[in-house]
Amino acid sequence: MKSPDKRCCGSGVCIINDAGECWCGQVWDGEKMAAPKLNIKPAPPKDQNPSPEKTEPEL
């Protein structure tokens, strides 16, 4: 059996893969287990002056 991983967050139930990711969602940051960084992509810029489609009634 493998020896316990020293990177455990203290819960005693960490299962850490080769990438340093635990089943609970925490990741090894090089010093401790921590919540992963959020990689939020910025929203595309919205048009400042959108040209609304004008529909004219048919006569």
Protein backbone atom coordinates (compact mmCIF):
# COMPACT_ATOMS: atom_id res chain seq x y z
CA MET A 1 0.00 0.00 0.00
CA LYS A 2 1.16 3.52 -0.75
CA SER A 3 2.25 5.75 2.09
CA PRO A 4 -0.13 8.63 2.92
CA ASP A 5 0.30 11.71 0.75
CA LYS A 6 1.90 14.53 2.74
CA ARG A 7 -0.11 17.06 0.71
CA CYS A 8 -3.37 16.18 2.51
CA CYS A 9 -5.41 19.21 3.62
CA GLY A 10 -5.83 17.71 7.07
CA SER A 11 -9.09 15.87 6.51
CA GLY A 12 -7.28 12.54 6.26
CA VAL A 13 -9.29 11.53 3.19
CA CYS A 14 -7.45 13.31 0.39
CA ILE A 15 -7.04 11.36 -2.83
CA ILE A 16 -4.63 13.42 -4.90
CA ASN A 17 -3.87 12.63 -8.55
CA ASP A 18 -0.56 13.24 -10.37
CA ALA A 19 -1.71 16.76 -11.33
CA GLY A 20 -2.08 17.66 -7.63
CA GLU A 21 -5.89 17.71 -7.76
CA CYS A 22 -7.88 16.21 -4.89
CA TRP A 23 -11.29 14.59 -5.28
CA CYS A 24 -12.74 17.39 -3.09
CA GLY A 25 -11.74 20.07 -5.61
CA GLN A 26 -8.67 21.47 -3.87
CA VAL A 27 -5.34 21.61 -5.69
CA TRP A 28 -1.73 21.58 -4.55
CA ASP A 29 -0.31 25.11 -4.99
CA GLY A 30 3.27 24.11 -4.23
CA GLU A 31 2.97 24.77 -0.51
CA LYS A 32 -0.50 23.67 0.59
CA MET A 33 -3.84 22.39 -0.61
CA ALA A 34 -6.04 25.30 -1.65
CA ALA A 35 -9.15 26.11 -3.64
CA PRO A 36 -8.44 26.23 -7.38
CA LYS A 37 -8.05 29.59 -9.08
CA LEU A 38 -11.03 30.69 -11.09
CA ASN A 39 -10.26 31.02 -14.78
CA ILE A 40 -13.08 33.33 -15.76
CA LYS A 41 -12.98 34.53 -19.32
CA PRO A 42 -14.04 38.15 -19.74
CA ALA A 43 -17.35 38.68 -21.50
CA PRO A 44 -17.08 40.00 -25.03
CA PRO A 45 -17.58 43.77 -25.17
CA LYS A 46 -21.12 44.88 -25.84
CA ASP A 47 -21.84 47.43 -28.54
CA GLN A 48 -22.05 50.87 -27.01
CA ASN A 49 -24.61 52.03 -29.56
CA PRO A 50 -26.43 49.03 -30.95
CA SER A 51 -28.56 49.82 -33.95
CA PRO A 52 -31.97 48.35 -33.23
CA GLU A 53 -33.68 46.85 -36.21
CA LYS A 54 -36.48 49.13 -37.23
CA THR A 55 -39.44 47.47 -38.74
CA GLU A 56 -41.98 49.58 -40.47
CA PRO A 57 -45.50 48.37 -40.84
CA GLU A 58 -46.49 47.31 -44.32
CA LEU A 59 -49.26 49.38 -45.86
